[in-house]
Amino acid sequence: MSYRYLILGADGQLGSELRSLMAQAQVHDAPVTYAYADYEECDVTDADMVAQYFSEHERFDAVFNAAAYTAVDDAEGRPDKAMMVNAVGAAHVAAACREKGSRLIHFSTDFVFGDGHNFPIDELAEPEPLSVYGSTKLVGEQLAMQNHSATAVLRTSGLYSRWGSNFLRSIASHARDKERIEVVDDQFISPTPTTTLARAALELANGPLFMGGVYHASSHGECTWFEFAQAIVEGLDINAEVVATTSEKWGAPAQRPEYCVLDNRRLRLMGLDTFGDWEEELSAFLGEHGDLI
């Protein structure tokens, strides 16, 4: 017996991590085979293209949908594009998974929540997105679960990796180019490495306790973006000053929630919360990949 997987959005930071994991993974001591597709091979916004791609392949045990429009600020000026990728695309993938009888792991974001939170947010909390990005990701969650009951939505926070575009890589680049960088200090998150998220997604995908629905999947603990940036600069031993600023002064086009730290309640109850403290995970990540950042 072997397990067959499909990774969509395979050229992004999470898709790249999933590919790296699948290349060496085993599930229940059985080998893993996997396919992956980027935008050109399987454009999730094109229903016919998605259906055709699935029809040309044998059934997958699980599909990991990492395809997303993640440019939070740019989405404010391109709401139709964000909606097509994040929401309509998710619906297309879920429908194809339903037809094939494949489980779907769909990735989402803490930005589906708005303000008014002071403690880690569990899956029972009511989403109230503040941005186009958050709104389109929320609609994507809803459409995916409506189209296929065997859909697990994994919401995460402050995602970073050695691949693609993310906050960690951006801070490292700016800090090396400048003596002083400003970062907002009034938004709280739980920085999460793609390595841990990918492993959690794989473990959930073919676990005996698999159930559809929403799961929170982020590192433990909390910090502001400013504190995260400080830890990155210090961990990489970059000689740059990180200065705190406010969201109002920063003036980003998209509004972010003040507090969107997640509580992995469902994973914890299932014994599948393998995430560690954000500082420990960042330290381990920089120790292994710091020379590549």
C-alpha atoms as a PDB file:
ATOM      1  CA  MET A   1       0.000   0.000   0.000  1.00  0.00           C
ATOM      2  CA  SER A   2       1.130   3.533  -0.715  1.00  0.00           C
ATOM      3  CA  TYR A   3      -0.346   6.988  -0.211  1.00  0.00           C
ATOM      4  CA  ARG A   4      -0.905   9.345  -3.126  1.00  0.00           C
ATOM      5  CA  TYR A   5      -0.985  13.102  -2.652  1.00  0.00           C
ATOM      6  CA  LEU A   6      -1.415  16.213  -4.766  1.00  0.00           C
ATOM      7  CA  ILE A   7       0.070  19.602  -3.892  1.00  0.00           C
ATOM      8  CA  LEU A   8      -1.531  22.646  -5.535  1.00  0.00           C
ATOM      9  CA  GLY A   9       0.250  25.993  -5.413  1.00  0.00           C
ATOM     10  CA  ALA A  10       3.453  23.995  -5.452  1.00  0.00           C
ATOM     11  CA  ASP A  11       5.757  26.926  -6.270  1.00  0.00           C
ATOM     12  CA  GLY A  12       4.858  29.014  -3.191  1.00  0.00           C
ATOM     13  CA  GLN A  13       6.536  28.875   0.208  1.00  0.00           C
ATOM     14  CA  LEU A  14       4.133  26.331   1.689  1.00  0.00           C
ATOM     15  CA  GLY A  15       3.873  24.298  -1.507  1.00  0.00           C
ATOM     16  CA  SER A  16       7.669  24.109  -1.686  1.00  0.00           C
ATOM     17  CA  GLU A  17       7.808  22.917   1.922  1.00  0.00           C
ATOM     18  CA  LEU A  18       5.186  20.264   1.256  1.00  0.00           C
ATOM     19  CA  ARG A  19       7.161  19.033  -1.746  1.00  0.00           C
ATOM     20  CA  SER A  20      10.315  18.795   0.366  1.00  0.00           C
ATOM     21  CA  LEU A  21       8.442  16.874   3.059  1.00  0.00           C
ATOM     22  CA  MET A  22       6.732  14.478   0.644  1.00  0.00           C
ATOM     23  CA  ALA A  23      10.045  13.574  -0.962  1.00  0.00           C
ATOM     24  CA  GLN A  24      11.118  11.829   2.236  1.00  0.00           C
ATOM     25  CA  ALA A  25       7.842  11.030   3.974  1.00  0.00           C
ATOM     26  CA  GLN A  26       6.217   7.780   4.969  1.00  0.00           C
ATOM     27  CA  VAL A  27       2.709   7.375   6.337  1.00  0.00           C
ATOM     28  CA  HIS A  28       2.002   4.447   8.667  1.00  0.00           C
ATOM     29  CA  ASP A  29       5.285   2.931   7.431  1.00  0.00           C
ATOM     30  CA  ALA A  30       3.964   2.977   3.865  1.00  0.00           C
ATOM     31  CA  PRO A  31       5.660   4.849   0.996  1.00  0.00           C
ATOM     32  CA  VAL A  32       4.332   8.142  -0.323  1.00  0.00           C
ATOM     33  CA  THR A  33       3.958   9.186  -3.933  1.00  0.00           C
ATOM     34  CA  TYR A  34       2.898  12.657  -4.873  1.00  0.00           C
ATOM     35  CA  ALA A  35       2.190  14.991  -7.755  1.00  0.00           C
ATOM     36  CA  TYR A  36       2.389  18.742  -7.700  1.00  0.00           C
ATOM     37  CA  ALA A  37       1.121  21.521  -9.885  1.00  0.00           C
ATOM     38  CA  ASP A  38       1.767  25.232 -10.151  1.00  0.00           C
ATOM     39  CA  TYR A  39      -0.430  27.921 -11.667  1.00  0.00           C
ATOM     40  CA  GLU A  40       0.375  27.007 -15.273  1.00  0.00           C
ATOM     41  CA  GLU A  41      -0.326  23.316 -14.785  1.00  0.00           C
ATOM     42  CA  CYS A  42      -3.513  23.701 -12.744  1.00  0.00           C
ATOM     43  CA  ASP A  43      -4.984  27.181 -12.466  1.00  0.00           C
ATOM     44  CA  VAL A  44      -7.475  26.803  -9.621  1.00  0.00           C
ATOM     45  CA  THR A  45      -9.537  29.728 -10.930  1.00  0.00           C
ATOM     46  CA  ASP A  46     -10.348  27.717 -14.092  1.00  0.00           C
ATOM     47  CA  ALA A  47     -12.982  25.085 -13.277  1.00  0.00           C
ATOM     48  CA  ASP A  48     -12.462  23.201 -16.531  1.00  0.00           C
ATOM     49  CA  MET A  49      -8.696  23.121 -16.075  1.00  0.00           C
ATOM     50  CA  VAL A  50      -9.042  21.783 -12.525  1.00  0.00           C
ATOM     51  CA  ALA A  51     -11.528  19.117 -13.610  1.00  0.00           C
ATOM     52  CA  GLN A  52      -9.290  18.106 -16.516  1.00  0.00           C
ATOM     53  CA  TYR A  53      -6.212  17.839 -14.290  1.00  0.00           C
ATOM     54  CA  PHE A  54      -8.018  15.583 -11.816  1.00  0.00           C
ATOM     55  CA  SER A  55      -9.482  13.433 -14.593  1.00  0.00           C
ATOM     56  CA  GLU A  56      -6.010  12.770 -15.994  1.00  0.00           C
ATOM     57  CA  HIS A  57      -4.703  11.406 -12.682  1.00  0.00           C
ATOM     58  CA  GLU A  58      -5.550   8.461 -10.496  1.00  0.00           C
ATOM     59  CA  ARG A  59      -7.390   9.214  -7.293  1.00  0.00           C
ATOM     60  CA  PHE A  60      -5.341  11.026  -4.658  1.00  0.00           C
ATOM     61  CA  ASP A  61      -5.745  10.070  -1.006  1.00  0.00           C
ATOM     62  CA  ALA A  62      -5.387  13.721  -0.062  1.00  0.00           C
ATOM     63  CA  VAL A  63      -5.024  17.043  -1.858  1.00  0.00           C
ATOM     64  CA  PHE A  64      -3.146  19.927  -0.228  1.00  0.00           C
ATOM     65  CA  ASN A  65      -4.385  23.256  -1.571  1.00  0.00           C
ATOM     66  CA  ALA A  66      -1.656  25.835  -0.977  1.00  0.00           C
ATOM     67  CA  ALA A  67      -2.711  27.967  -3.963  1.00  0.00           C
ATOM     68  CA  ALA A  68      -3.561  31.455  -2.705  1.00  0.00           C
ATOM     69  CA  TYR A  69      -3.380  35.164  -3.426  1.00  0.00           C
ATOM     70  CA  THR A  70      -1.374  36.234  -0.377  1.00  0.00           C
ATOM     71  CA  ALA A  71      -0.372  39.820  -1.228  1.00  0.00           C
ATOM     72  CA  VAL A  72      -2.405  41.340   1.605  1.00  0.00           C
ATOM     73  CA  ASP A  73      -1.993  45.004   0.660  1.00  0.00           C
ATOM     74  CA  ASP A  74      -2.198  44.481  -3.095  1.00  0.00           C
ATOM     75  CA  ALA A  75      -5.470  42.608  -2.638  1.00  0.00           C
ATOM     76  CA  GLU A  76      -7.137  45.860  -1.541  1.00  0.00           C
ATOM     77  CA  GLY A  77      -6.774  47.121  -5.109  1.00  0.00           C
ATOM     78  CA  ARG A  78      -7.441  43.751  -6.746  1.00  0.00           C
ATOM     79  CA  PRO A  79     -10.426  42.303  -4.880  1.00  0.00           C
ATOM     80  CA  ASP A  80     -11.728  40.389  -7.909  1.00  0.00           C
ATOM     81  CA  LYS A  81      -8.393  38.646  -8.430  1.00  0.00           C
ATOM     82  CA  ALA A  82      -8.106  37.780  -4.732  1.00  0.00           C
ATOM     83  CA  MET A  83     -11.670  36.437  -4.708  1.00  0.00           C
ATOM     84  CA  MET A  84     -11.060  34.262  -7.763  1.00  0.00           C
ATOM     85  CA  VAL A  85      -7.935  32.623  -6.337  1.00  0.00           C
ATOM     86  CA  ASN A  86      -8.776  32.457  -2.633  1.00  0.00           C
ATOM     87  CA  ALA A  87     -12.488  31.697  -2.813  1.00  0.00           C
ATOM     88  CA  VAL A  88     -13.630  30.527  -6.256  1.00  0.00           C
ATOM     89  CA  GLY A  89     -10.434  28.530  -6.690  1.00  0.00           C
ATOM     90  CA  ALA A  90     -10.987  26.777  -3.370  1.00  0.00           C
ATOM     91  CA  ALA A  91     -14.516  25.864  -4.467  1.00  0.00           C
ATOM     92  CA  HIS A  92     -13.226  24.358  -7.711  1.00  0.00           C
ATOM     93  CA  VAL A  93     -10.628  22.251  -5.929  1.00  0.00           C
ATOM     94  CA  ALA A  94     -13.120  21.030  -3.324  1.00  0.00           C
ATOM     95  CA  ALA A  95     -15.607  19.997  -6.014  1.00  0.00           C
ATOM     96  CA  ALA A  96     -12.914  18.027  -7.840  1.00  0.00           C
ATOM     97  CA  CYS A  97     -11.878  16.331  -4.586  1.00  0.00           C
ATOM     98  CA  ARG A  98     -15.490  15.384  -3.901  1.00  0.00           C
ATOM     99  CA  GLU A  99     -15.848  13.803  -7.342  1.00  0.00           C
ATOM    100  CA  LYS A 100     -12.647  11.794  -6.840  1.00  0.00           C
ATOM    101  CA  GLY A 101     -13.263  10.897  -3.203  1.00  0.00           C
ATOM    102  CA  SER A 102     -10.090  12.636  -2.002  1.00  0.00           C
ATOM    103  CA  ARG A 103      -9.652  14.356   1.328  1.00  0.00           C
ATOM    104  CA  LEU A 104      -8.847  18.060   1.038  1.00  0.00           C
ATOM    105  CA  ILE A 105      -6.442  19.998   3.243  1.00  0.00           C
ATOM    106  CA  HIS A 106      -7.082  23.683   2.548  1.00  0.00           C
ATOM    107  CA  PHE A 107      -4.863  26.350   4.114  1.00  0.00           C
ATOM    108  CA  SER A 108      -6.196  29.615   5.491  1.00  0.00           C
ATOM    109  CA  THR A 109      -5.179  32.496   7.722  1.00  0.00           C
ATOM    110  CA  ASP A 110      -5.566  34.197  11.081  1.00  0.00           C
ATOM    111  CA  PHE A 111      -6.564  37.322   9.143  1.00  0.00           C
ATOM    112  CA  VAL A 112     -10.134  36.001   8.958  1.00  0.00           C
ATOM    113  CA  PHE A 113     -10.470  37.512  12.453  1.00  0.00           C
ATOM    114  CA  GLY A 114     -10.985  41.140  13.356  1.00  0.00           C
ATOM    115  CA  ASP A 115     -10.421  43.194  16.472  1.00  0.00           C
ATOM    116  CA  GLY A 116     -11.811  42.608  19.953  1.00  0.00           C
ATOM    117  CA  HIS A 117      -9.701  39.604  20.962  1.00  0.00           C
ATOM    118  CA  ASN A 118      -7.284  39.522  23.901  1.00  0.00           C
ATOM    119  CA  PHE A 119      -6.668  35.795  24.325  1.00  0.00           C
ATOM    120  CA  PRO A 120      -5.714  33.028  21.860  1.00  0.00           C
ATOM    121  CA  ILE A 121      -8.593  32.460  19.465  1.00  0.00           C
ATOM    122  CA  ASP A 122     -10.029  28.967  19.034  1.00  0.00           C
ATOM    123  CA  GLU A 123     -12.074  27.529  16.185  1.00  0.00           C
ATOM    124  CA  LEU A 124     -15.408  28.446  17.774  1.00  0.00           C
ATOM    125  CA  ALA A 125     -14.773  32.197  17.529  1.00  0.00           C
ATOM    126  CA  GLU A 126     -16.721  34.161  14.938  1.00  0.00           C
ATOM    127  CA  PRO A 127     -14.562  35.474  12.058  1.00  0.00           C
ATOM    128  CA  GLU A 128     -14.814  39.178  11.228  1.00  0.00           C
ATOM    129  CA  PRO A 129     -12.169  39.949   8.588  1.00  0.00           C
ATOM    130  CA  LEU A 130     -10.932  43.516   8.193  1.00  0.00           C
ATOM    131  CA  SER A 131      -9.284  43.217   4.769  1.00  0.00           C
ATOM    132  CA  VAL A 132     -10.009  41.969   1.273  1.00  0.00           C
ATOM    133  CA  TYR A 133      -7.450  39.226   1.807  1.00  0.00           C
ATOM    134  CA  GLY A 134      -9.079  38.054   5.034  1.00  0.00           C
ATOM    135  CA  SER A 135     -12.562  38.264   3.537  1.00  0.00           C
ATOM    136  CA  THR A 136     -11.684  36.244   0.441  1.00  0.00           C
ATOM    137  CA  LYS A 137      -9.903  33.586   2.494  1.00  0.00           C
ATOM    138  CA  LEU A 138     -12.973  33.263   4.725  1.00  0.00           C
ATOM    139  CA  VAL A 139     -15.259  32.822   1.707  1.00  0.00           C
ATOM    140  CA  GLY A 140     -12.789  30.232   0.399  1.00  0.00           C
ATOM    141  CA  GLU A 141     -13.059  28.273   3.643  1.00  0.00           C
ATOM    142  CA  GLN A 142     -16.835  28.316   3.474  1.00  0.00           C
ATOM    143  CA  LEU A 143     -17.068  27.314  -0.188  1.00  0.00           C
ATOM    144  CA  ALA A 144     -14.522  24.523   0.195  1.00  0.00           C
ATOM    145  CA  MET A 145     -16.401  22.977   3.123  1.00  0.00           C
ATOM    146  CA  GLN A 146     -19.770  23.425   1.399  1.00  0.00           C
ATOM    147  CA  ASN A 147     -18.515  21.686  -1.730  1.00  0.00           C
ATOM    148  CA  HIS A 148     -16.814  18.782   0.042  1.00  0.00           C
ATOM    149  CA  SER A 149     -17.508  17.490   3.542  1.00  0.00           C
ATOM    150  CA  ALA A 150     -14.055  15.880   3.776  1.00  0.00           C
ATOM    151  CA  THR A 151     -12.338  19.286   3.837  1.00  0.00           C
ATOM    152  CA  ALA A 152     -10.043  20.255   6.687  1.00  0.00           C
ATOM    153  CA  VAL A 153      -9.256  23.979   6.790  1.00  0.00           C
ATOM    154  CA  LEU A 154      -5.972  24.770   8.536  1.00  0.00           C
ATOM    155  CA  ARG A 155      -5.684  28.382   9.668  1.00  0.00           C
ATOM    156  CA  THR A 156      -2.180  29.535  10.523  1.00  0.00           C
ATOM    157  CA  SER A 157      -0.379  32.710  11.608  1.00  0.00           C
ATOM    158  CA  GLY A 158       2.773  34.600  10.614  1.00  0.00           C
ATOM    159  CA  LEU A 159       3.953  31.914   8.202  1.00  0.00           C
ATOM    160  CA  TYR A 160       7.635  31.881   7.217  1.00  0.00           C
ATOM    161  CA  SER A 161      10.055  29.606   5.384  1.00  0.00           C
ATOM    162  CA  ARG A 162      13.306  29.462   3.446  1.00  0.00           C
ATOM    163  CA  TRP A 163      11.307  29.766   0.207  1.00  0.00           C
ATOM    164  CA  GLY A 164       9.154  32.427  -1.422  1.00  0.00           C
ATOM    165  CA  SER A 165       8.141  35.793  -0.096  1.00  0.00           C
ATOM    166  CA  ASN A 166       7.528  36.123   3.638  1.00  0.00           C
ATOM    167  CA  PHE A 167       8.114  38.463   6.565  1.00  0.00           C
ATOM    168  CA  LEU A 168      11.254  36.715   7.799  1.00  0.00           C
ATOM    169  CA  ARG A 169      13.030  36.872   4.458  1.00  0.00           C
ATOM    170  CA  SER A 170      11.914  40.468   3.924  1.00  0.00           C
ATOM    171  CA  ILE A 171      13.181  41.600   7.346  1.00  0.00           C
ATOM    172  CA  ALA A 172      16.510  39.849   6.825  1.00  0.00           C
ATOM    173  CA  SER A 173      16.964  41.514   3.440  1.00  0.00           C
ATOM    174  CA  HIS A 174      16.017  45.014   4.645  1.00  0.00           C
ATOM    175  CA  ALA A 175      18.127  44.707   7.793  1.00  0.00           C
ATOM    176  CA  ARG A 176      21.205  43.832   5.762  1.00  0.00           C
ATOM    177  CA  ASP A 177      20.627  46.806   3.450  1.00  0.00           C
ATOM    178  CA  LYS A 178      19.775  49.400   6.094  1.00  0.00           C
ATOM    179  CA  GLU A 179      21.068  50.391   9.507  1.00  0.00           C
ATOM    180  CA  ARG A 180      17.558  51.063  10.806  1.00  0.00           C
ATOM    181  CA  ILE A 181      14.193  49.462  10.026  1.00  0.00           C
ATOM    182  CA  GLU A 182      10.736  50.247  11.412  1.00  0.00           C
ATOM    183  CA  VAL A 183       8.222  47.533  12.269  1.00  0.00           C
ATOM    184  CA  VAL A 184       4.730  47.789  13.782  1.00  0.00           C
ATOM    185  CA  ASP A 185       4.508  46.955  17.483  1.00  0.00           C
ATOM    186  CA  ASP A 186       0.734  46.906  18.004  1.00  0.00           C
ATOM    187  CA  GLN A 187      -0.280  43.740  16.141  1.00  0.00           C
ATOM    188  CA  PHE A 188       0.087  40.351  17.868  1.00  0.00           C
ATOM    189  CA  ILE A 189       0.692  37.080  16.011  1.00  0.00           C
ATOM    190  CA  SER A 190       2.152  33.574  16.452  1.00  0.00           C
ATOM    191  CA  PRO A 191       5.029  33.197  13.947  1.00  0.00           C
ATOM    192  CA  THR A 192       4.861  29.725  12.410  1.00  0.00           C
ATOM    193  CA  PRO A 193       7.402  27.888  10.228  1.00  0.00           C
ATOM    194  CA  THR A 194       6.137  26.032   7.166  1.00  0.00           C
ATOM    195  CA  THR A 195       8.106  22.984   8.321  1.00  0.00           C
ATOM    196  CA  THR A 196       5.852  22.460  11.341  1.00  0.00           C
ATOM    197  CA  LEU A 197       2.656  23.325   9.473  1.00  0.00           C
ATOM    198  CA  ALA A 198       3.459  20.914   6.637  1.00  0.00           C
ATOM    199  CA  ARG A 199       4.126  18.044   9.056  1.00  0.00           C
ATOM    200  CA  ALA A 200       0.882  18.736  10.923  1.00  0.00           C
ATOM    201  CA  ALA A 201      -1.069  18.821   7.656  1.00  0.00           C
ATOM    202  CA  LEU A 202       0.388  15.506   6.522  1.00  0.00           C
ATOM    203  CA  GLU A 203      -0.313  13.847   9.870  1.00  0.00           C
ATOM    204  CA  LEU A 204      -3.911  15.050   9.824  1.00  0.00           C
ATOM    205  CA  ALA A 205      -4.528  14.141   6.174  1.00  0.00           C
ATOM    206  CA  ASN A 206      -4.449  10.383   6.592  1.00  0.00           C
ATOM    207  CA  GLY A 207      -4.916  10.054  10.320  1.00  0.00           C
ATOM    208  CA  PRO A 208      -7.575   7.695  11.633  1.00  0.00           C
ATOM    209  CA  LEU A 209      -9.235  10.601  13.438  1.00  0.00           C
ATOM    210  CA  PHE A 210      -9.629  12.750  10.322  1.00  0.00           C
ATOM    211  CA  MET A 211     -12.676  14.990  10.380  1.00  0.00           C
ATOM    212  CA  GLY A 212     -13.614  17.906   8.202  1.00  0.00           C
ATOM    213  CA  GLY A 213     -13.982  21.432   9.514  1.00  0.00           C
ATOM    214  CA  VAL A 214     -11.739  24.229  10.729  1.00  0.00           C
ATOM    215  CA  TYR A 215      -8.485  23.675  12.605  1.00  0.00           C
ATOM    216  CA  HIS A 216      -6.124  26.264  14.035  1.00  0.00           C
ATOM    217  CA  ALA A 217      -2.516  25.351  13.347  1.00  0.00           C
ATOM    218  CA  SER A 218       0.142  27.767  14.548  1.00  0.00           C
ATOM    219  CA  SER A 219       3.112  27.920  16.869  1.00  0.00           C
ATOM    220  CA  HIS A 220       2.469  28.551  20.551  1.00  0.00           C
ATOM    221  CA  GLY A 221       2.991  31.869  22.274  1.00  0.00           C
ATOM    222  CA  GLU A 222       2.650  35.365  20.898  1.00  0.00           C
ATOM    223  CA  CYS A 223       4.625  38.433  19.918  1.00  0.00           C
ATOM    224  CA  THR A 224       4.250  41.589  17.880  1.00  0.00           C
ATOM    225  CA  TRP A 225       5.670  41.920  14.388  1.00  0.00           C
ATOM    226  CA  PHE A 226       8.296  44.207  15.962  1.00  0.00           C
ATOM    227  CA  GLU A 227       9.327  41.520  18.456  1.00  0.00           C
ATOM    228  CA  PHE A 228       9.404  38.946  15.677  1.00  0.00           C
ATOM    229  CA  ALA A 229      11.658  41.220  13.611  1.00  0.00           C
ATOM    230  CA  GLN A 230      13.966  41.761  16.589  1.00  0.00           C
ATOM    231  CA  ALA A 231      14.307  38.012  17.075  1.00  0.00           C
ATOM    232  CA  ILE A 232      15.095  37.525  13.370  1.00  0.00           C
ATOM    233  CA  VAL A 233      17.784  40.208  13.311  1.00  0.00           C
ATOM    234  CA  GLU A 234      19.359  38.964  16.529  1.00  0.00           C
ATOM    235  CA  GLY A 235      19.176  35.322  15.423  1.00  0.00           C
ATOM    236  CA  LEU A 236      20.931  36.125  12.144  1.00  0.00           C
ATOM    237  CA  ASP A 237      23.446  38.391  13.930  1.00  0.00           C
ATOM    238  CA  ILE A 238      22.670  41.338  11.631  1.00  0.00           C
ATOM    239  CA  ASN A 239      23.933  44.723  12.764  1.00  0.00           C
ATOM    240  CA  ALA A 240      20.769  46.773  12.314  1.00  0.00           C
ATOM    241  CA  GLU A 241      18.455  48.659  14.665  1.00  0.00           C
ATOM    242  CA  VAL A 242      14.818  47.560  14.749  1.00  0.00           C
ATOM    243  CA  VAL A 243      12.557  50.462  15.734  1.00  0.00           C
ATOM    244  CA  ALA A 244       8.942  50.131  16.880  1.00  0.00           C
ATOM    245  CA  THR A 245       6.181  52.030  15.105  1.00  0.00           C
ATOM    246  CA  THR A 246       2.377  51.964  15.073  1.00  0.00           C
ATOM    247  CA  SER A 247      -0.038  50.654  12.490  1.00  0.00           C
ATOM    248  CA  GLU A 248      -1.408  54.166  12.078  1.00  0.00           C
ATOM    249  CA  LYS A 249       2.015  55.612  11.300  1.00  0.00           C
ATOM    250  CA  TRP A 250       2.885  52.711   9.002  1.00  0.00           C
ATOM    251  CA  GLY A 251      -0.278  53.312   6.985  1.00  0.00           C
ATOM    252  CA  ALA A 252      -0.579  49.989   5.156  1.00  0.00           C
ATOM    253  CA  PRO A 253      -3.453  49.833   2.628  1.00  0.00           C
ATOM    254  CA  ALA A 254      -4.977  46.747   4.289  1.00  0.00           C
ATOM    255  CA  GLN A 255      -6.148  46.853   7.878  1.00  0.00           C
ATOM    256  CA  ARG A 256      -4.737  44.081  10.079  1.00  0.00           C
ATOM    257  CA  PRO A 257      -6.259  42.782  13.327  1.00  0.00           C
ATOM    258  CA  GLU A 258      -4.598  43.966  16.530  1.00  0.00           C
ATOM    259  CA  TYR A 259      -4.626  40.463  17.991  1.00  0.00           C
ATOM    260  CA  CYS A 260      -4.949  37.264  15.970  1.00  0.00           C
ATOM    261  CA  VAL A 261      -3.047  34.704  18.034  1.00  0.00           C
ATOM    262  CA  LEU A 262      -4.547  31.255  17.476  1.00  0.00           C
ATOM    263  CA  ASP A 263      -5.394  28.457  19.904  1.00  0.00           C
ATOM    264  CA  ASN A 264      -4.937  24.980  18.353  1.00  0.00           C
ATOM    265  CA  ARG A 265      -7.836  23.587  20.371  1.00  0.00           C
ATOM    266  CA  ARG A 266      -9.047  20.884  17.959  1.00  0.00           C
ATOM    267  CA  LEU A 267      -5.567  19.566  17.162  1.00  0.00           C
ATOM    268  CA  ARG A 268      -4.742  19.525  20.869  1.00  0.00           C
ATOM    269  CA  LEU A 269      -7.878  17.530  21.725  1.00  0.00           C
ATOM    270  CA  MET A 270      -6.989  15.037  18.978  1.00  0.00           C
ATOM    271  CA  GLY A 271      -3.417  14.690  20.217  1.00  0.00           C
ATOM    272  CA  LEU A 272      -2.097  16.230  16.996  1.00  0.00           C
ATOM    273  CA  ASP A 273      -0.812  19.586  18.239  1.00  0.00           C
ATOM    274  CA  THR A 274       2.887  19.103  17.496  1.00  0.00           C
ATOM    275  CA  PHE A 275       3.663  22.827  17.304  1.00  0.00           C
ATOM    276  CA  GLY A 276       6.251  24.297  19.660  1.00  0.00           C
ATOM    277  CA  ASP A 277       6.874  27.717  21.164  1.00  0.00           C
ATOM    278  CA  TRP A 278       7.437  30.307  18.450  1.00  0.00           C
ATOM    279  CA  GLU A 279      10.807  31.424  19.832  1.00  0.00           C
ATOM    280  CA  GLU A 280      12.148  27.874  20.018  1.00  0.00           C
ATOM    281  CA  GLU A 281      10.930  27.075  16.523  1.00  0.00           C
ATOM    282  CA  LEU A 282      12.443  30.274  15.115  1.00  0.00           C
ATOM    283  CA  SER A 283      15.776  29.518  16.788  1.00  0.00           C
ATOM    284  CA  ALA A 284      15.786  25.993  15.353  1.00  0.00           C
ATOM    285  CA  PHE A 285      14.824  27.289  11.913  1.00  0.00           C
ATOM    286  CA  LEU A 286      17.591  29.902  11.843  1.00  0.00           C
ATOM    287  CA  GLY A 287      20.086  27.364  13.115  1.00  0.00           C
ATOM    288  CA  GLU A 288      19.273  25.078  10.189  1.00  0.00           C
ATOM    289  CA  HIS A 289      18.532  27.557   7.414  1.00  0.00           C
ATOM    290  CA  GLY A 290      20.009  30.867   8.528  1.00  0.00           C
ATOM    291  CA  ASP A 291      22.830  30.696   5.986  1.00  0.00           C
ATOM    292  CA  LEU A 292      20.224  30.468   3.199  1.00  0.00           C
ATOM    293  CA  ILE A 293      18.156  33.463   4.305  1.00  0.00           C
END
